Amino acid sequence: MAGSTVVMKLVCLFVVAMATAAPLAEAALTCGQVSTGIRPCIDYLKKGGAIPDACCNGIRSLNSAAKTTVDRKSVCNCLKSAAGSIKGINLSLAAALPGKCGVSVPYKISPSTDCNNVQ
């Protein structure tokens, strides 16, 4: 009987641990992660010129990490916020950046983008 009590406690602990970990697996990408990914792009987005390799690597990495709709909406909202708050950004360069890095995103990087429609 004592052995089955230990097993039941372990099963309960496992179920609680899985229930606690599940929401973490569904967590969206953070704006901090997005900011880190696009940081190498800022000079290009202000001045134009050649796109740094680190910039496209960051864009590709963010795109690969945004696997779910929640992630894509989160990245969209972070990029939208950055596009509207970083002084001196050329919005045309921002909108074209993913394509120039060989990445297809389902929205335009712009302060006017409606990220609620992102799938």
PDB file of N, CA and C in Angstrom:
ATOM      1  N   MET A   1       0.819  -1.190   0.000  1.00  0.00           N
ATOM      2  CA  MET A   1       0.000   0.000   0.000  1.00  0.00           C
ATOM      3  C   MET A   1       0.863   1.254   0.000  1.00  0.00           C
ATOM      4  N   ALA A   2       1.977   1.216   0.763  1.00  0.00           N
ATOM      5  CA  ALA A   2       2.848   2.381   0.827  1.00  0.00           C
ATOM      6  C   ALA A   2       3.483   2.655  -0.526  1.00  0.00           C
ATOM      7  N   GLY A   3       3.806   1.579  -1.265  1.00  0.00           N
ATOM      8  CA  GLY A   3       4.402   1.746  -2.588  1.00  0.00           C
ATOM      9  C   GLY A   3       3.441   2.417  -3.554  1.00  0.00           C
ATOM     10  N   SER A   4       2.159   2.073  -3.480  1.00  0.00           N
ATOM     11  CA  SER A   4       1.189   2.669  -4.393  1.00  0.00           C
ATOM     12  C   SER A   4       0.944   4.134  -4.051  1.00  0.00           C
ATOM     13  N   THR A   5       1.078   4.506  -2.772  1.00  0.00           N
ATOM     14  CA  THR A   5       0.939   5.910  -2.369  1.00  0.00           C
ATOM     15  C   THR A   5       2.067   6.737  -2.962  1.00  0.00           C
ATOM     16  N   VAL A   6       3.260   6.197  -2.938  1.00  0.00           N
ATOM     17  CA  VAL A   6       4.408   6.891  -3.522  1.00  0.00           C
ATOM     18  C   VAL A   6       4.209   7.061  -5.025  1.00  0.00           C
ATOM     19  N   VAL A   7       3.725   6.002  -5.673  1.00  0.00           N
ATOM     20  CA  VAL A   7       3.486   6.074  -7.115  1.00  0.00           C
ATOM     21  C   VAL A   7       2.431   7.132  -7.420  1.00  0.00           C
ATOM     22  N   MET A   8       1.350   7.151  -6.638  1.00  0.00           N
ATOM     23  CA  MET A   8       0.288   8.146  -6.858  1.00  0.00           C
ATOM     24  C   MET A   8       0.816   9.563  -6.674  1.00  0.00           C
ATOM     25  N   LYS A   9       1.664   9.767  -5.664  1.00  0.00           N
ATOM     26  CA  LYS A   9       2.250  11.093  -5.426  1.00  0.00           C
ATOM     27  C   LYS A   9       3.127  11.500  -6.614  1.00  0.00           C
ATOM     28  N   LEU A  10       3.891  10.547  -7.131  1.00  0.00           N
ATOM     29  CA  LEU A  10       4.743  10.848  -8.286  1.00  0.00           C
ATOM     30  C   LEU A  10       3.908  11.165  -9.521  1.00  0.00           C
ATOM     31  N   VAL A  11       2.829  10.421  -9.725  1.00  0.00           N
ATOM     32  CA  VAL A  11       1.945  10.686 -10.862  1.00  0.00           C
ATOM     33  C   VAL A  11       1.333  12.075 -10.722  1.00  0.00           C
ATOM     34  N   CYS A  12       0.854  12.412  -9.525  1.00  0.00           N
ATOM     35  CA  CYS A  12       0.268  13.744  -9.293  1.00  0.00           C
ATOM     36  C   CYS A  12       1.302  14.839  -9.536  1.00  0.00           C
ATOM     37  N   LEU A  13       2.524  14.630  -9.045  1.00  0.00           N
ATOM     38  CA  LEU A  13       3.591  15.602  -9.249  1.00  0.00           C
ATOM     39  C   LEU A  13       3.882  15.773 -10.741  1.00  0.00           C
ATOM     40  N   PHE A  14       3.914  14.663 -11.475  1.00  0.00           N
ATOM     41  CA  PHE A  14       4.150  14.714 -12.914  1.00  0.00           C
ATOM     42  C   PHE A  14       3.041  15.491 -13.623  1.00  0.00           C
ATOM     43  N   VAL A  15       1.780  15.221 -13.273  1.00  0.00           N
ATOM     44  CA  VAL A  15       0.651  15.919 -13.898  1.00  0.00           C
ATOM     45  C   VAL A  15       0.722  17.413 -13.611  1.00  0.00           C
ATOM     46  N   VAL A  16       1.025  17.790 -12.370  1.00  0.00           N
ATOM     47  CA  VAL A  16       1.143  19.204 -12.013  1.00  0.00           C
ATOM     48  C   VAL A  16       2.293  19.848 -12.786  1.00  0.00           C
ATOM     49  N   ALA A  17       3.407  19.150 -12.880  1.00  0.00           N
ATOM     50  CA  ALA A  17       4.557  19.688 -13.615  1.00  0.00           C
ATOM     51  C   ALA A  17       4.222  19.889 -15.089  1.00  0.00           C
ATOM     52  N   MET A  18       3.520  18.953 -15.694  1.00  0.00           N
ATOM     53  CA  MET A  18       3.152  19.072 -17.112  1.00  0.00           C
ATOM     54  C   MET A  18       2.151  20.209 -17.316  1.00  0.00           C
ATOM     55  N   ALA A  19       1.204  20.343 -16.410  1.00  0.00           N
ATOM     56  CA  ALA A  19       0.209  21.414 -16.532  1.00  0.00           C
ATOM     57  C   ALA A  19       0.865  22.779 -16.368  1.00  0.00           C
ATOM     58  N   THR A  20       1.875  22.861 -15.523  1.00  0.00           N
ATOM     59  CA  THR A  20       2.581  24.114 -15.311  1.00  0.00           C
ATOM     60  C   THR A  20       3.474  24.440 -16.504  1.00  0.00           C
ATOM     61  N   ALA A  21       4.090  23.445 -17.112  1.00  0.00           N
ATOM     62  CA  ALA A  21       5.011  23.670 -18.225  1.00  0.00           C
ATOM     63  C   ALA A  21       4.277  23.955 -19.527  1.00  0.00           C
ATOM     64  N   ALA A  22       3.078  23.458 -19.696  1.00  0.00           N
ATOM     65  CA  ALA A  22       2.352  23.618 -20.959  1.00  0.00           C
ATOM     66  C   ALA A  22       2.188  25.070 -21.368  1.00  0.00           C
ATOM     67  N   PRO A  23       1.770  25.984 -20.471  1.00  0.00           N
ATOM     68  CA  PRO A  23       1.639  27.374 -20.908  1.00  0.00           C
ATOM     69  C   PRO A  23       2.967  27.986 -21.337  1.00  0.00           C
ATOM     70  N   LEU A  24       4.071  27.525 -20.744  1.00  0.00           N
ATOM     71  CA  LEU A  24       5.369  28.057 -21.142  1.00  0.00           C
ATOM     72  C   LEU A  24       5.701  27.674 -22.578  1.00  0.00           C
ATOM     73  N   ALA A  25       5.294  26.502 -22.999  1.00  0.00           N
ATOM     74  CA  ALA A  25       5.570  26.051 -24.356  1.00  0.00           C
ATOM     75  C   ALA A  25       4.779  26.858 -25.375  1.00  0.00           C
ATOM     76  N   GLU A  26       3.668  27.464 -24.950  1.00  0.00           N
ATOM     77  CA  GLU A  26       2.833  28.232 -25.854  1.00  0.00           C
ATOM     78  C   GLU A  26       3.138  29.725 -25.807  1.00  0.00           C
ATOM     79  N   ALA A  27       4.081  30.125 -24.965  1.00  0.00           N
ATOM     80  CA  ALA A  27       4.380  31.547 -24.810  1.00  0.00           C
ATOM     81  C   ALA A  27       4.894  32.132 -26.116  1.00  0.00           C
ATOM     82  N   ALA A  28       4.426  33.326 -26.407  1.00  0.00           N
ATOM     83  CA  ALA A  28       4.836  34.021 -27.626  1.00  0.00           C
ATOM     84  C   ALA A  28       6.252  34.566 -27.467  1.00  0.00           C
ATOM     85  N   LEU A  29       6.866  34.847 -28.594  1.00  0.00           N
ATOM     86  CA  LEU A  29       8.168  35.502 -28.579  1.00  0.00           C
ATOM     87  C   LEU A  29       8.018  36.874 -27.929  1.00  0.00           C
ATOM     88  N   THR A  30       9.030  37.297 -27.235  1.00  0.00           N
ATOM     89  CA  THR A  30       8.973  38.581 -26.538  1.00  0.00           C
ATOM     90  C   THR A  30       9.522  39.701 -27.416  1.00  0.00           C
ATOM     91  N   CYS A  31       9.151  40.930 -27.071  1.00  0.00           N
ATOM     92  CA  CYS A  31       9.698  42.076 -27.796  1.00  0.00           C
ATOM     93  C   CYS A  31      11.205  42.189 -27.574  1.00  0.00           C
ATOM     94  N   GLY A  32      11.687  41.697 -26.442  1.00  0.00           N
ATOM     95  CA  GLY A  32      13.136  41.671 -26.209  1.00  0.00           C
ATOM     96  C   GLY A  32      13.845  40.796 -27.228  1.00  0.00           C
ATOM     97  N   GLN A  33      13.257  39.641 -27.535  1.00  0.00           N
ATOM     98  CA  GLN A  33      13.835  38.749 -28.543  1.00  0.00           C
ATOM     99  C   GLN A  33      13.764  39.403 -29.924  1.00  0.00           C
ATOM    100  N   VAL A  34      12.651  40.041 -30.207  1.00  0.00           N
ATOM    101  CA  VAL A  34      12.499  40.725 -31.500  1.00  0.00           C
ATOM    102  C   VAL A  34      13.511  41.860 -31.605  1.00  0.00           C
ATOM    103  N   SER A  35      13.645  42.628 -30.546  1.00  0.00           N
ATOM    104  CA  SER A  35      14.593  43.746 -30.526  1.00  0.00           C
ATOM    105  C   SER A  35      16.018  43.260 -30.779  1.00  0.00           C
ATOM    106  N   THR A  36      16.390  42.161 -30.146  1.00  0.00           N
ATOM    107  CA  THR A  36      17.727  41.589 -30.355  1.00  0.00           C
ATOM    108  C   THR A  36      17.908  41.168 -31.809  1.00  0.00           C
ATOM    109  N   GLY A  37      16.859  40.586 -32.394  1.00  0.00           N
ATOM    110  CA  GLY A  37      16.940  40.131 -33.783  1.00  0.00           C
ATOM    111  C   GLY A  37      17.084  41.262 -34.783  1.00  0.00           C
ATOM    112  N   ILE A  38      16.423  42.387 -34.516  1.00  0.00           N
ATOM    113  CA  ILE A  38      16.457  43.490 -35.495  1.00  0.00           C
ATOM    114  C   ILE A  38      17.516  44.544 -35.191  1.00  0.00           C
ATOM    115  N   ARG A  39      18.144  44.472 -34.029  1.00  0.00           N
ATOM    116  CA  ARG A  39      19.143  45.484 -33.658  1.00  0.00           C
ATOM    117  C   ARG A  39      20.189  45.708 -34.757  1.00  0.00           C
ATOM    118  N   PRO A  40      20.719  44.655 -35.391  1.00  0.00           N
ATOM    119  CA  PRO A  40      21.718  44.894 -36.444  1.00  0.00           C
ATOM    120  C   PRO A  40      21.147  45.589 -37.683  1.00  0.00           C
ATOM    121  N   CYS A  41      19.831  45.746 -37.753  1.00  0.00           N
ATOM    122  CA  CYS A  41      19.181  46.352 -38.922  1.00  0.00           C
ATOM    123  C   CYS A  41      18.972  47.858 -38.780  1.00  0.00           C
ATOM    124  N   ILE A  42      19.093  48.386 -37.582  1.00  0.00           N
ATOM    125  CA  ILE A  42      18.687  49.764 -37.304  1.00  0.00           C
ATOM    126  C   ILE A  42      19.418  50.774 -38.187  1.00  0.00           C
ATOM    127  N   ASP A  43      20.736  50.673 -38.302  1.00  0.00           N
ATOM    128  CA  ASP A  43      21.471  51.631 -39.152  1.00  0.00           C
ATOM    129  C   ASP A  43      20.994  51.562 -40.589  1.00  0.00           C
ATOM    130  N   TYR A  44      20.796  50.350 -41.099  1.00  0.00           N
ATOM    131  CA  TYR A  44      20.286  50.199 -42.470  1.00  0.00           C
ATOM    132  C   TYR A  44      18.917  50.859 -42.602  1.00  0.00           C
ATOM    133  N   LEU A  45      18.044  50.646 -41.624  1.00  0.00           N
ATOM    134  CA  LEU A  45      16.689  51.186 -41.700  1.00  0.00           C
ATOM    135  C   LEU A  45      16.659  52.713 -41.610  1.00  0.00           C
ATOM    136  N   LYS A  46      17.712  53.305 -41.088  1.00  0.00           N
ATOM    137  CA  LYS A  46      17.799  54.766 -41.002  1.00  0.00           C
ATOM    138  C   LYS A  46      18.508  55.374 -42.213  1.00  0.00           C
ATOM    139  N   LYS A  47      19.553  54.704 -42.703  1.00  0.00           N
ATOM    140  CA  LYS A  47      20.421  55.294 -43.722  1.00  0.00           C
ATOM    141  C   LYS A  47      20.385  54.599 -45.067  1.00  0.00           C
ATOM    142  N   GLY A  48      19.853  53.362 -45.118  1.00  0.00           N
ATOM    143  CA  GLY A  48      19.892  52.594 -46.357  1.00  0.00           C
ATOM    144  C   GLY A  48      21.266  51.997 -46.556  1.00  0.00           C
ATOM    145  N   GLY A  49      21.594  51.697 -47.808  1.00  0.00           N
ATOM    146  CA  GLY A  49      22.883  51.095 -48.123  1.00  0.00           C
ATOM    147  C   GLY A  49      22.805  49.590 -48.132  1.00  0.00           C
ATOM    148  N   ALA A  50      23.930  48.979 -47.808  1.00  0.00           N
ATOM    149  CA  ALA A  50      24.000  47.514 -47.791  1.00  0.00           C
ATOM    150  C   ALA A  50      23.376  46.981 -46.506  1.00  0.00           C
ATOM    151  N   ILE A  51      22.630  45.905 -46.641  1.00  0.00           N
ATOM    152  CA  ILE A  51      22.018  45.270 -45.474  1.00  0.00           C
ATOM    153  C   ILE A  51      23.066  44.381 -44.818  1.00  0.00           C
ATOM    154  N   PRO A  52      23.350  44.600 -43.538  1.00  0.00           N
ATOM    155  CA  PRO A  52      24.345  43.758 -42.857  1.00  0.00           C
ATOM    156  C   PRO A  52      23.885  42.298 -42.790  1.00  0.00           C
ATOM    157  N   ASP A  53      24.822  41.379 -42.934  1.00  0.00           N
ATOM    158  CA  ASP A  53      24.501  39.952 -42.819  1.00  0.00           C
ATOM    159  C   ASP A  53      23.817  39.642 -41.489  1.00  0.00           C
ATOM    160  N   ALA A  54      24.279  40.286 -40.415  1.00  0.00           N
ATOM    161  CA  ALA A  54      23.700  40.041 -39.085  1.00  0.00           C
ATOM    162  C   ALA A  54      22.228  40.443 -39.043  1.00  0.00           C
ATOM    163  N   CYS A  55      21.869  41.454 -39.817  1.00  0.00           N
ATOM    164  CA  CYS A  55      20.479  41.890 -39.893  1.00  0.00           C
ATOM    165  C   CYS A  55      19.620  40.794 -40.515  1.00  0.00           C
ATOM    166  N   CYS A  56      20.003  40.318 -41.676  1.00  0.00           N
ATOM    167  CA  CYS A  56      19.222  39.260 -42.335  1.00  0.00           C
ATOM    168  C   CYS A  56      19.221  37.979 -41.518  1.00  0.00           C
ATOM    169  N   ASN A  57      20.326  37.683 -40.852  1.00  0.00           N
ATOM    170  CA  ASN A  57      20.360  36.505 -39.981  1.00  0.00           C
ATOM    171  C   ASN A  57      19.332  36.650 -38.860  1.00  0.00           C
ATOM    172  N   GLY A  58      19.216  37.842 -38.297  1.00  0.00           N
ATOM    173  CA  GLY A  58      18.248  38.103 -37.241  1.00  0.00           C
ATOM    174  C   GLY A  58      16.823  37.990 -37.747  1.00  0.00           C
ATOM    175  N   ILE A  59      16.558  38.524 -38.942  1.00  0.00           N
ATOM    176  CA  ILE A  59      15.223  38.448 -39.549  1.00  0.00           C
ATOM    177  C   ILE A  59      14.858  36.981 -39.814  1.00  0.00           C
ATOM    178  N   ARG A  60      15.800  36.235 -40.373  1.00  0.00           N
ATOM    179  CA  ARG A  60      15.535  34.815 -40.649  1.00  0.00           C
ATOM    180  C   ARG A  60      15.309  34.032 -39.354  1.00  0.00           C
ATOM    181  N   SER A  61      16.084  34.341 -38.333  1.00  0.00           N
ATOM    182  CA  SER A  61      15.955  33.656 -37.053  1.00  0.00           C
ATOM    183  C   SER A  61      14.589  33.936 -36.420  1.00  0.00           C
ATOM    184  N   LEU A  62      14.159  35.185 -36.452  1.00  0.00           N
ATOM    185  CA  LEU A  62      12.842  35.533 -35.911  1.00  0.00           C
ATOM    186  C   LEU A  62      11.740  34.827 -36.691  1.00  0.00           C
ATOM    187  N   ASN A  63      11.869  34.817 -38.000  1.00  0.00           N
ATOM    188  CA  ASN A  63      10.858  34.171 -38.831  1.00  0.00           C
ATOM    189  C   ASN A  63      10.774  32.680 -38.519  1.00  0.00           C
ATOM    190  N   SER A  64      11.922  32.045 -38.340  1.00  0.00           N
ATOM    191  CA  SER A  64      11.945  30.611 -38.012  1.00  0.00           C
ATOM    192  C   SER A  64      11.358  30.336 -36.628  1.00  0.00           C
ATOM    193  N   ALA A  65      11.593  31.250 -35.696  1.00  0.00           N
ATOM    194  CA  ALA A  65      11.118  31.056 -34.328  1.00  0.00           C
ATOM    195  C   ALA A  65       9.614  31.296 -34.195  1.00  0.00           C
ATOM    196  N   ALA A  66       9.050  32.084 -35.094  1.00  0.00           N
ATOM    197  CA  ALA A  66       7.623  32.421 -35.028  1.00  0.00           C
ATOM    198  C   ALA A  66       6.808  31.329 -35.706  1.00  0.00           C
ATOM    199  N   LYS A  67       6.649  30.210 -35.024  1.00  0.00           N
ATOM    200  CA  LYS A  67       6.006  29.033 -35.604  1.00  0.00           C
ATOM    201  C   LYS A  67       4.483  29.046 -35.470  1.00  0.00           C
ATOM    202  N   THR A  68       3.976  29.713 -34.446  1.00  0.00           N
ATOM    203  CA  THR A  68       2.534  29.703 -34.204  1.00  0.00           C
ATOM    204  C   THR A  68       1.918  31.054 -34.554  1.00  0.00           C
ATOM    205  N   THR A  69       0.599  31.082 -34.664  1.00  0.00           N
ATOM    206  CA  THR A  69      -0.107  32.342 -34.911  1.00  0.00           C
ATOM    207  C   THR A  69       0.155  33.321 -33.776  1.00  0.00           C
ATOM    208  N   VAL A  70       0.174  32.830 -32.545  1.00  0.00           N
ATOM    209  CA  VAL A  70       0.442  33.691 -31.389  1.00  0.00           C
ATOM    210  C   VAL A  70       1.826  34.317 -31.512  1.00  0.00           C
ATOM    211  N   ASP A  71       2.821  33.516 -31.906  1.00  0.00           N
ATOM    212  CA  ASP A  71       4.181  34.037 -32.095  1.00  0.00           C
ATOM    213  C   ASP A  71       4.211  35.093 -33.198  1.00  0.00           C
ATOM    214  N   ARG A  72       3.578  34.793 -34.337  1.00  0.00           N
ATOM    215  CA  ARG A  72       3.593  35.731 -35.461  1.00  0.00           C
ATOM    216  C   ARG A  72       2.903  37.047 -35.098  1.00  0.00           C
ATOM    217  N   LYS A  73       1.802  36.971 -34.363  1.00  0.00           N
ATOM    218  CA  LYS A  73       1.117  38.195 -33.922  1.00  0.00           C
ATOM    219  C   LYS A  73       1.991  38.982 -32.957  1.00  0.00           C
ATOM    220  N   SER A  74       2.665  38.270 -32.070  1.00  0.00           N
ATOM    221  CA  SER A  74       3.549  38.923 -31.108  1.00  0.00           C
ATOM    222  C   SER A  74       4.694  39.641 -31.815  1.00  0.00           C
ATOM    223  N   VAL A  75       5.340  38.949 -32.761  1.00  0.00           N
ATOM    224  CA  VAL A  75       6.438  39.566 -33.519  1.00  0.00           C
ATOM    225  C   VAL A  75       5.907  40.763 -34.307  1.00  0.00           C
ATOM    226  N   CYS A  76       4.737  40.613 -34.922  1.00  0.00           N
ATOM    227  CA  CYS A  76       4.134  41.707 -35.675  1.00  0.00           C
ATOM    228  C   CYS A  76       3.933  42.926 -34.783  1.00  0.00           C
ATOM    229  N   ASN A  77       3.362  42.723 -33.604  1.00  0.00           N
ATOM    230  CA  ASN A  77       3.119  43.843 -32.691  1.00  0.00           C
ATOM    231  C   ASN A  77       4.418  44.493 -32.234  1.00  0.00           C
ATOM    232  N   CYS A  78       5.438  43.687 -31.985  1.00  0.00           N
ATOM    233  CA  CYS A  78       6.732  44.239 -31.573  1.00  0.00           C
ATOM    234  C   CYS A  78       7.363  45.053 -32.703  1.00  0.00           C
ATOM    235  N   LEU A  79       7.309  44.520 -33.928  1.00  0.00           N
ATOM    236  CA  LEU A  79       7.864  45.238 -35.078  1.00  0.00           C
ATOM    237  C   LEU A  79       7.069  46.510 -35.362  1.00  0.00           C
ATOM    238  N   LYS A  80       5.759  46.440 -35.235  1.00  0.00           N
ATOM    239  CA  LYS A  80       4.897  47.601 -35.430  1.00  0.00           C
ATOM    240  C   LYS A  80       5.269  48.700 -34.435  1.00  0.00           C
ATOM    241  N   SER A  81       5.438  48.310 -33.191  1.00  0.00           N
ATOM    242  CA  SER A  81       5.815  49.257 -32.150  1.00  0.00           C
ATOM    243  C   SER A  81       7.192  49.864 -32.432  1.00  0.00           C
ATOM    244  N   ALA A  82       8.145  49.018 -32.820  1.00  0.00           N
ATOM    245  CA  ALA A  82       9.496  49.503 -33.125  1.00  0.00           C
ATOM    246  C   ALA A  82       9.475  50.459 -34.313  1.00  0.00           C
ATOM    247  N   ALA A  83       8.699  50.114 -35.347  1.00  0.00           N
ATOM    248  CA  ALA A  83       8.627  50.969 -36.539  1.00  0.00           C
ATOM    249  C   ALA A  83       8.070  52.341 -36.203  1.00  0.00           C
ATOM    250  N   GLY A  84       7.206  52.413 -35.205  1.00  0.00           N
ATOM    251  CA  GLY A  84       6.623  53.688 -34.830  1.00  0.00           C
ATOM    252  C   GLY A  84       7.406  54.460 -33.795  1.00  0.00           C
ATOM    253  N   SER A  85       8.321  53.788 -33.105  1.00  0.00           N
ATOM    254  CA  SER A  85       9.003  54.461 -32.001  1.00  0.00           C
ATOM    255  C   SER A  85      10.475  54.769 -32.232  1.00  0.00           C
ATOM    256  N   ILE A  86      11.119  54.099 -33.161  1.00  0.00           N
ATOM    257  CA  ILE A  86      12.540  54.360 -33.415  1.00  0.00           C
ATOM    258  C   ILE A  86      12.640  55.541 -34.368  1.00  0.00           C
ATOM    259  N   LYS A  87      13.216  56.608 -33.881  1.00  0.00           N
ATOM    260  CA  LYS A  87      13.333  57.843 -34.665  1.00  0.00           C
ATOM    261  C   LYS A  87      14.204  57.637 -35.896  1.00  0.00           C
ATOM    262  N   GLY A  88      13.751  58.177 -37.017  1.00  0.00           N
ATOM    263  CA  GLY A  88      14.551  58.184 -38.230  1.00  0.00           C
ATOM    264  C   GLY A  88      14.433  56.951 -39.096  1.00  0.00           C
ATOM    265  N   ILE A  89      13.529  56.044 -38.772  1.00  0.00           N
ATOM    266  CA  ILE A  89      13.375  54.821 -39.576  1.00  0.00           C
ATOM    267  C   ILE A  89      12.681  55.157 -40.896  1.00  0.00           C
ATOM    268  N   ASN A  90      13.230  54.642 -41.974  1.00  0.00           N
ATOM    269  CA  ASN A  90      12.610  54.765 -43.288  1.00  0.00           C
ATOM    270  C   ASN A  90      11.613  53.612 -43.403  1.00  0.00           C
ATOM    271  N   LEU A  91      10.325  53.938 -43.360  1.00  0.00           N
ATOM    272  CA  LEU A  91       9.294  52.897 -43.337  1.00  0.00           C
ATOM    273  C   LEU A  91       9.269  52.068 -44.615  1.00  0.00           C
ATOM    274  N   SER A  92       9.680  52.654 -45.742  1.00  0.00           N
ATOM    275  CA  SER A  92       9.754  51.881 -46.992  1.00  0.00           C
ATOM    276  C   SER A  92      10.833  50.807 -46.891  1.00  0.00           C
ATOM    277  N   LEU A  93      11.965  51.170 -46.310  1.00  0.00           N
ATOM    278  CA  LEU A  93      13.040  50.188 -46.117  1.00  0.00           C
ATOM    279  C   LEU A  93      12.592  49.099 -45.142  1.00  0.00           C
ATOM    280  N   ALA A  94      11.874  49.494 -44.082  1.00  0.00           N
ATOM    281  CA  ALA A  94      11.393  48.516 -43.102  1.00  0.00           C
ATOM    282  C   ALA A  94      10.421  47.528 -43.747  1.00  0.00           C
ATOM    283  N   ALA A  95       9.500  48.038 -44.552  1.00  0.00           N
ATOM    284  CA  ALA A  95       8.508  47.175 -45.194  1.00  0.00           C
ATOM    285  C   ALA A  95       9.159  46.191 -46.161  1.00  0.00           C
ATOM    286  N   ALA A  96      10.217  46.618 -46.832  1.00  0.00           N
ATOM    287  CA  ALA A  96      10.873  45.777 -47.839  1.00  0.00           C
ATOM    288  C   ALA A  96      11.940  44.851 -47.252  1.00  0.00           C
ATOM    289  N   LEU A  97      12.336  45.081 -46.013  1.00  0.00           N
ATOM    290  CA  LEU A  97      13.463  44.347 -45.428  1.00  0.00           C
ATOM    291  C   LEU A  97      13.292  42.829 -45.433  1.00  0.00           C
ATOM    292  N   PRO A  98      12.170  42.280 -44.981  1.00  0.00           N
ATOM    293  CA  PRO A  98      12.080  40.808 -44.991  1.00  0.00           C
ATOM    294  C   PRO A  98      12.313  40.217 -46.382  1.00  0.00           C
ATOM    295  N   GLY A  99      11.692  40.798 -47.400  1.00  0.00           N
ATOM    296  CA  GLY A  99      11.872  40.302 -48.765  1.00  0.00           C
ATOM    297  C   GLY A  99      13.316  40.397 -49.226  1.00  0.00           C
ATOM    298  N   LYS A 100      13.999  41.477 -48.864  1.00  0.00           N
ATOM    299  CA  LYS A 100      15.405  41.637 -49.255  1.00  0.00           C
ATOM    300  C   LYS A 100      16.301  40.624 -48.550  1.00  0.00           C
ATOM    301  N   CYS A 101      15.809  40.101 -47.418  1.00  0.00           N
ATOM    302  CA  CYS A 101      16.554  39.066 -46.691  1.00  0.00           C
ATOM    303  C   CYS A 101      16.084  37.666 -47.077  1.00  0.00           C
ATOM    304  N   GLY A 102      15.187  37.586 -48.073  1.00  0.00           N
ATOM    305  CA  GLY A 102      14.712  36.289 -48.532  1.00  0.00           C
ATOM    306  C   GLY A 102      13.688  35.647 -47.613  1.00  0.00           C
ATOM    307  N   VAL A 103      12.981  36.472 -46.862  1.00  0.00           N
ATOM    308  CA  VAL A 103      11.989  35.977 -45.907  1.00  0.00           C
ATOM    309  C   VAL A 103      10.622  36.527 -46.290  1.00  0.00           C
ATOM    310  N   SER A 104       9.625  35.673 -46.229  1.00  0.00           N
ATOM    311  CA  SER A 104       8.256  36.091 -46.500  1.00  0.00           C
ATOM    312  C   SER A 104       7.493  36.162 -45.188  1.00  0.00           C
ATOM    313  N   VAL A 105       7.003  37.346 -44.841  1.00  0.00           N
ATOM    314  CA  VAL A 105       6.180  37.496 -43.637  1.00  0.00           C
ATOM    315  C   VAL A 105       4.768  37.890 -44.060  1.00  0.00           C
ATOM    316  N   PRO A 106       3.774  37.459 -43.298  1.00  0.00           N
ATOM    317  CA  PRO A 106       2.380  37.676 -43.707  1.00  0.00           C
ATOM    318  C   PRO A 106       1.824  39.053 -43.344  1.00  0.00           C
ATOM    319  N   TYR A 107       2.681  40.058 -43.242  1.00  0.00           N
ATOM    320  CA  TYR A 107       2.236  41.409 -42.914  1.00  0.00           C
ATOM    321  C   TYR A 107       3.323  42.396 -43.318  1.00  0.00           C
ATOM    322  N   LYS A 108       2.936  43.663 -43.388  1.00  0.00           N
ATOM    323  CA  LYS A 108       3.873  44.740 -43.713  1.00  0.00           C
ATOM    324  C   LYS A 108       4.415  45.309 -42.399  1.00  0.00           C
ATOM    325  N   ILE A 109       5.712  45.526 -42.328  1.00  0.00           N
ATOM    326  CA  ILE A 109       6.301  46.136 -41.136  1.00  0.00           C
ATOM    327  C   ILE A 109       6.018  47.630 -41.219  1.00  0.00           C
ATOM    328  N   SER A 110       5.050  48.060 -40.427  1.00  0.00           N
ATOM    329  CA  SER A 110       4.586  49.446 -40.471  1.00  0.00           C
ATOM    330  C   SER A 110       3.823  49.753 -39.186  1.00  0.00           C
ATOM    331  N   PRO A 111       3.853  51.020 -38.754  1.00  0.00           N
ATOM    332  CA  PRO A 111       3.065  51.396 -37.573  1.00  0.00           C
ATOM    333  C   PRO A 111       1.557  51.259 -37.805  1.00  0.00           C
ATOM    334  N   SER A 112       1.133  51.153 -39.054  1.00  0.00           N
ATOM    335  CA  SER A 112      -0.298  51.063 -39.352  1.00  0.00           C
ATOM    336  C   SER A 112      -0.787  49.627 -39.568  1.00  0.00           C
ATOM    337  N   THR A 113       0.081  48.642 -39.445  1.00  0.00           N
ATOM    338  CA  THR A 113      -0.308  47.243 -39.655  1.00  0.00           C
ATOM    339  C   THR A 113      -1.277  46.791 -38.564  1.00  0.00           C
ATOM    340  N   ASP A 114      -2.311  46.057 -38.960  1.00  0.00           N
ATOM    341  CA  ASP A 114      -3.249  45.459 -38.007  1.00  0.00           C
ATOM    342  C   ASP A 114      -2.784  44.027 -37.738  1.00  0.00           C
ATOM    343  N   CYS A 115      -2.081  43.853 -36.638  1.00  0.00           N
ATOM    344  CA  CYS A 115      -1.505  42.543 -36.302  1.00  0.00           C
ATOM    345  C   CYS A 115      -2.567  41.536 -35.863  1.00  0.00           C
ATOM    346  N   ASN A 116      -3.770  41.985 -35.577  1.00  0.00           N
ATOM    347  CA  ASN A 116      -4.842  41.056 -35.190  1.00  0.00           C
ATOM    348  C   ASN A 116      -5.235  40.159 -36.357  1.00  0.00           C
ATOM    349  N   ASN A 117      -4.956  40.582 -37.594  1.00  0.00           N
ATOM    350  CA  ASN A 117      -5.295  39.795 -38.773  1.00  0.00           C
ATOM    351  C   ASN A 117      -4.216  38.804 -39.176  1.00  0.00           C
ATOM    352  N   VAL A 118      -3.080  38.812 -38.473  1.00  0.00           N
ATOM    353  CA  VAL A 118      -1.973  37.919 -38.812  1.00  0.00           C
ATOM    354  C   VAL A 118      -2.331  36.492 -38.437  1.00  0.00           C
ATOM    355  N   GLN A 119      -2.116  35.591 -39.364  1.00  0.00           N
ATOM    356  CA  GLN A 119      -2.360  34.172 -39.119  1.00  0.00           C
ATOM    357  C   GLN A 119      -1.036  33.503 -39.037  1.00  0.00           C
TER     358      GLN A 119
END
